[in-house]
Amino acid sequence: MFGEKALSRLERDVFSQTGVTDIILLEGINDIGHDPHVHNANKIIDGMKEIAEQAHERGLRIYAGTLTPFNAYDSGNYYTAEGEQTRQEVNKWIRNNHVFDGVIDFDRVLADPSNPEKLLPTYDSGDALHPNDLGLRVMAESIDLSIFEKPFK
């Protein structure tokens, strides 16, 4: 087991915290990679929609982060071609959805331009899945902070 699913810990991790006004959601890659693999993009998308709905019911803004590259992560069969196809489908939906208040394209900023299924080596922590400190900084700097100044709907 690799921890609780996002939906089951949402109340504890987000909604019960004081002062929360905005959420950046970056979920789904472990669903794709860990056994049992979820290779149905709609299942992941449905979970994201449910999280967004719960956030909006509480008057919170929520932004979706695209799923980052994971090819070359060497942990059994975490990466598969079918999993990559699922990641691409989820990211396509994220980039074109009307569910979230905005999109932060972490995939675009971390991907190796010569091989977009992999992290740019400069941002790789060494496992080909998790960004290093520089990668995390680039992710943070890719966020247009003005989105947090918009009035609530």
C-alpha atoms as a PDB file:
ATOM      1  CA  MET A   1       0.000   0.000   0.000  1.00  0.00           C
ATOM      2  CA  PHE A   2       1.285   3.451  -0.882  1.00  0.00           C
ATOM      3  CA  GLY A   3      -0.878   5.682   1.272  1.00  0.00           C
ATOM      4  CA  GLU A   4      -4.425   6.899   1.336  1.00  0.00           C
ATOM      5  CA  LYS A   5      -6.148   8.039  -1.817  1.00  0.00           C
ATOM      6  CA  ALA A   6      -6.513  11.796  -2.228  1.00  0.00           C
ATOM      7  CA  LEU A   7     -10.304  11.702  -1.896  1.00  0.00           C
ATOM      8  CA  SER A   8     -10.122   9.889   1.440  1.00  0.00           C
ATOM      9  CA  ARG A   9      -7.658  12.391   2.942  1.00  0.00           C
ATOM     10  CA  LEU A  10      -9.001  15.579   1.375  1.00  0.00           C
ATOM     11  CA  GLU A  11     -10.879  16.690   4.480  1.00  0.00           C
ATOM     12  CA  ARG A  12      -7.865  16.172   6.740  1.00  0.00           C
ATOM     13  CA  ASP A  13      -5.189  17.493   4.397  1.00  0.00           C
ATOM     14  CA  VAL A  14      -7.016  20.468   2.903  1.00  0.00           C
ATOM     15  CA  PHE A  15     -10.514  21.329   4.067  1.00  0.00           C
ATOM     16  CA  SER A  16      -9.812  21.179   7.813  1.00  0.00           C
ATOM     17  CA  GLN A  17      -6.899  23.629   7.495  1.00  0.00           C
ATOM     18  CA  THR A  18      -7.587  27.235   8.405  1.00  0.00           C
ATOM     19  CA  GLY A  19      -7.120  30.031   5.889  1.00  0.00           C
ATOM     20  CA  VAL A  20      -7.210  27.877   2.743  1.00  0.00           C
ATOM     21  CA  THR A  21      -8.495  29.798  -0.268  1.00  0.00           C
ATOM     22  CA  ASP A  22      -6.859  27.991  -3.189  1.00  0.00           C
ATOM     23  CA  ILE A  23      -5.758  24.451  -4.017  1.00  0.00           C
ATOM     24  CA  ILE A  24      -3.252  23.196  -6.545  1.00  0.00           C
ATOM     25  CA  LEU A  25      -4.090  19.586  -7.347  1.00  0.00           C
ATOM     26  CA  LEU A  26      -1.309  17.337  -8.620  1.00  0.00           C
ATOM     27  CA  GLU A  27      -2.663  13.798  -8.425  1.00  0.00           C
ATOM     28  CA  GLY A  28      -2.894  10.742 -10.639  1.00  0.00           C
ATOM     29  CA  ILE A  29       0.573   9.560 -11.583  1.00  0.00           C
ATOM     30  CA  ASN A  30       0.711   6.995  -8.763  1.00  0.00           C
ATOM     31  CA  ASP A  31      -2.702   5.695  -9.798  1.00  0.00           C
ATOM     32  CA  ILE A  32      -1.244   5.056 -13.233  1.00  0.00           C
ATOM     33  CA  GLY A  33       2.078   3.627 -12.051  1.00  0.00           C
ATOM     34  CA  HIS A  34       1.344   1.519  -8.986  1.00  0.00           C
ATOM     35  CA  ASP A  35      -0.281  -1.904  -9.095  1.00  0.00           C
ATOM     36  CA  PRO A  36      -3.099  -2.234  -9.700  1.00  0.00           C
ATOM     37  CA  HIS A  37      -2.529   0.185 -12.572  1.00  0.00           C
ATOM     38  CA  VAL A  38      -5.336   2.541 -13.508  1.00  0.00           C
ATOM     39  CA  HIS A  39      -5.130   2.784 -17.276  1.00  0.00           C
ATOM     40  CA  ASN A  40      -8.582   4.256 -17.620  1.00  0.00           C
ATOM     41  CA  ALA A  41      -8.121   8.019 -17.907  1.00  0.00           C
ATOM     42  CA  ASN A  42     -11.795   8.569 -17.120  1.00  0.00           C
ATOM     43  CA  LYS A  43     -11.408   7.015 -13.660  1.00  0.00           C
ATOM     44  CA  ILE A  44      -8.631   9.476 -12.829  1.00  0.00           C
ATOM     45  CA  ILE A  45     -10.550  12.366 -14.374  1.00  0.00           C
ATOM     46  CA  ASP A  46     -13.681  11.434 -12.408  1.00  0.00           C
ATOM     47  CA  GLY A  47     -11.659  11.586  -9.171  1.00  0.00           C
ATOM     48  CA  MET A  48     -10.296  14.999 -10.142  1.00  0.00           C
ATOM     49  CA  LYS A  49     -13.797  16.237 -10.930  1.00  0.00           C
ATOM     50  CA  GLU A  50     -15.013  15.051  -7.534  1.00  0.00           C
ATOM     51  CA  ILE A  51     -12.168  16.856  -5.760  1.00  0.00           C
ATOM     52  CA  ALA A  52     -12.896  20.042  -7.733  1.00  0.00           C
ATOM     53  CA  GLU A  53     -16.599  19.797  -6.914  1.00  0.00           C
ATOM     54  CA  GLN A  54     -15.888  19.417  -3.195  1.00  0.00           C
ATOM     55  CA  ALA A  55     -13.504  22.388  -3.305  1.00  0.00           C
ATOM     56  CA  HIS A  56     -16.026  24.573  -5.089  1.00  0.00           C
ATOM     57  CA  GLU A  57     -18.783  23.551  -2.647  1.00  0.00           C
ATOM     58  CA  ARG A  58     -16.565  25.017   0.080  1.00  0.00           C
ATOM     59  CA  GLY A  59     -15.926  28.220  -1.862  1.00  0.00           C
ATOM     60  CA  LEU A  60     -12.316  27.346  -2.691  1.00  0.00           C
ATOM     61  CA  ARG A  61     -10.575  27.867  -6.006  1.00  0.00           C
ATOM     62  CA  ILE A  62      -8.773  24.849  -7.401  1.00  0.00           C
ATOM     63  CA  TYR A  63      -6.122  24.626 -10.092  1.00  0.00           C
ATOM     64  CA  ALA A  64      -5.076  21.401 -11.797  1.00  0.00           C
ATOM     65  CA  GLY A  65      -1.426  20.550 -12.338  1.00  0.00           C
ATOM     66  CA  THR A  66      -0.657  18.378 -15.334  1.00  0.00           C
ATOM     67  CA  LEU A  67       0.871  14.980 -14.628  1.00  0.00           C
ATOM     68  CA  THR A  68       4.639  15.015 -14.967  1.00  0.00           C
ATOM     69  CA  PRO A  69       6.794  12.628 -17.019  1.00  0.00           C
ATOM     70  CA  PHE A  70       7.641   9.261 -15.492  1.00  0.00           C
ATOM     71  CA  ASN A  71       9.358   7.222 -18.210  1.00  0.00           C
ATOM     72  CA  ALA A  72      12.561   5.610 -16.893  1.00  0.00           C
ATOM     73  CA  TYR A  73      11.343   5.336 -13.295  1.00  0.00           C
ATOM     74  CA  ASP A  74      12.766   1.944 -12.432  1.00  0.00           C
ATOM     75  CA  SER A  75      10.450   0.341  -9.938  1.00  0.00           C
ATOM     76  CA  GLY A  76       9.128  -2.891 -11.344  1.00  0.00           C
ATOM     77  CA  ASN A  77       6.535  -2.105 -13.973  1.00  0.00           C
ATOM     78  CA  TYR A  78       5.614   1.412 -12.797  1.00  0.00           C
ATOM     79  CA  TYR A  79       6.103   2.901 -16.271  1.00  0.00           C
ATOM     80  CA  THR A  80       4.297   1.251 -19.175  1.00  0.00           C
ATOM     81  CA  ALA A  81       3.382   2.447 -22.659  1.00  0.00           C
ATOM     82  CA  GLU A  82      -0.285   2.077 -21.696  1.00  0.00           C
ATOM     83  CA  GLY A  83       0.343   4.169 -18.590  1.00  0.00           C
ATOM     84  CA  GLU A  84       1.999   6.869 -20.686  1.00  0.00           C
ATOM     85  CA  GLN A  85      -1.032   6.905 -22.987  1.00  0.00           C
ATOM     86  CA  THR A  86      -3.250   7.341 -19.920  1.00  0.00           C
ATOM     87  CA  ARG A  87      -1.060  10.203 -18.659  1.00  0.00           C
ATOM     88  CA  GLN A  88      -1.330  11.910 -22.046  1.00  0.00           C
ATOM     89  CA  GLU A  89      -5.131  11.516 -22.056  1.00  0.00           C
ATOM     90  CA  VAL A  90      -5.437  12.912 -18.532  1.00  0.00           C
ATOM     91  CA  ASN A  91      -3.145  15.841 -19.381  1.00  0.00           C
ATOM     92  CA  LYS A  92      -5.107  16.599 -22.541  1.00  0.00           C
ATOM     93  CA  TRP A  93      -8.277  16.744 -20.464  1.00  0.00           C
ATOM     94  CA  ILE A  94      -6.631  18.886 -17.778  1.00  0.00           C
ATOM     95  CA  ARG A  95      -5.401  21.377 -20.381  1.00  0.00           C
ATOM     96  CA  ASN A  96      -8.869  21.655 -21.946  1.00  0.00           C
ATOM     97  CA  ASN A  97     -11.252  21.265 -19.011  1.00  0.00           C
ATOM     98  CA  HIS A  98     -13.831  23.675 -17.624  1.00  0.00           C
ATOM     99  CA  VAL A  99     -13.941  22.083 -14.176  1.00  0.00           C
ATOM    100  CA  PHE A 100     -10.957  23.776 -12.560  1.00  0.00           C
ATOM    101  CA  ASP A 101     -10.328  27.469 -12.078  1.00  0.00           C
ATOM    102  CA  GLY A 102      -7.105  27.159 -14.043  1.00  0.00           C
ATOM    103  CA  VAL A 103      -4.298  24.887 -15.159  1.00  0.00           C
ATOM    104  CA  ILE A 104      -0.634  24.807 -14.199  1.00  0.00           C
ATOM    105  CA  ASP A 105       1.336  22.910 -16.795  1.00  0.00           C
ATOM    106  CA  PHE A 106       3.981  21.137 -14.713  1.00  0.00           C
ATOM    107  CA  ASP A 107       4.454  18.582 -17.510  1.00  0.00           C
ATOM    108  CA  ARG A 108       5.552  21.306 -19.911  1.00  0.00           C
ATOM    109  CA  VAL A 109       8.110  22.826 -17.530  1.00  0.00           C
ATOM    110  CA  LEU A 110       9.672  19.533 -16.380  1.00  0.00           C
ATOM    111  CA  ALA A 111       9.697  17.482 -19.588  1.00  0.00           C
ATOM    112  CA  ASP A 112      12.871  16.897 -21.546  1.00  0.00           C
ATOM    113  CA  PRO A 113      12.240  18.647 -24.907  1.00  0.00           C
ATOM    114  CA  SER A 114      14.151  15.905 -26.723  1.00  0.00           C
ATOM    115  CA  ASN A 115      12.137  13.155 -24.987  1.00  0.00           C
ATOM    116  CA  PRO A 116       8.917  14.552 -23.468  1.00  0.00           C
ATOM    117  CA  GLU A 117       8.050  11.271 -21.738  1.00  0.00           C
ATOM    118  CA  LYS A 118      11.032  11.816 -19.419  1.00  0.00           C
ATOM    119  CA  LEU A 119      12.012  14.460 -16.892  1.00  0.00           C
ATOM    120  CA  LEU A 120      14.680  16.858 -18.044  1.00  0.00           C
ATOM    121  CA  PRO A 121      17.835  15.423 -16.404  1.00  0.00           C
ATOM    122  CA  THR A 122      18.599  18.809 -14.809  1.00  0.00           C
ATOM    123  CA  TYR A 123      15.352  18.514 -12.810  1.00  0.00           C
ATOM    124  CA  ASP A 124      15.591  14.801 -11.936  1.00  0.00           C
ATOM    125  CA  SER A 125      16.136  13.819  -8.291  1.00  0.00           C
ATOM    126  CA  GLY A 126      17.805  10.655  -9.536  1.00  0.00           C
ATOM    127  CA  ASP A 127      14.834   8.318  -9.774  1.00  0.00           C
ATOM    128  CA  ALA A 128      13.370   9.650 -13.067  1.00  0.00           C
ATOM    129  CA  LEU A 129      10.068  10.363 -11.308  1.00  0.00           C
ATOM    130  CA  HIS A 130      10.492  12.998  -8.609  1.00  0.00           C
ATOM    131  CA  PRO A 131      11.866  16.473  -9.314  1.00  0.00           C
ATOM    132  CA  ASN A 132      14.952  17.618  -7.433  1.00  0.00           C
ATOM    133  CA  ASP A 133      15.158  20.973  -5.648  1.00  0.00           C
ATOM    134  CA  LEU A 134      15.767  22.823  -8.916  1.00  0.00           C
ATOM    135  CA  GLY A 135      12.823  21.023 -10.535  1.00  0.00           C
ATOM    136  CA  LEU A 136      10.588  21.959  -7.621  1.00  0.00           C
ATOM    137  CA  ARG A 137      11.750  25.567  -7.888  1.00  0.00           C
ATOM    138  CA  VAL A 138      10.959  25.591 -11.618  1.00  0.00           C
ATOM    139  CA  MET A 139       7.516  24.171 -10.865  1.00  0.00           C
ATOM    140  CA  ALA A 140       6.881  26.882  -8.262  1.00  0.00           C
ATOM    141  CA  GLU A 141       8.161  29.638 -10.540  1.00  0.00           C
ATOM    142  CA  SER A 142       5.908  28.433 -13.370  1.00  0.00           C
ATOM    143  CA  ILE A 143       2.839  29.408 -11.357  1.00  0.00           C
ATOM    144  CA  ASP A 144       1.408  32.789 -12.299  1.00  0.00           C
ATOM    145  CA  LEU A 145       0.772  34.162  -8.812  1.00  0.00           C
ATOM    146  CA  SER A 146      -1.797  36.623 -10.147  1.00  0.00           C
ATOM    147  CA  ILE A 147      -4.295  33.738 -10.285  1.00  0.00           C
ATOM    148  CA  PHE A 148      -4.529  33.979  -6.503  1.00  0.00           C
ATOM    149  CA  GLU A 149      -5.558  37.639  -6.716  1.00  0.00           C
ATOM    150  CA  LYS A 150      -8.687  36.972  -8.784  1.00  0.00           C
ATOM    151  CA  PRO A 151     -11.966  37.523  -6.963  1.00  0.00           C
ATOM    152  CA  PHE A 152     -13.921  34.449  -5.960  1.00  0.00           C
ATOM    153  CA  LYS A 153     -16.804  33.519  -8.237  1.00  0.00           C
END
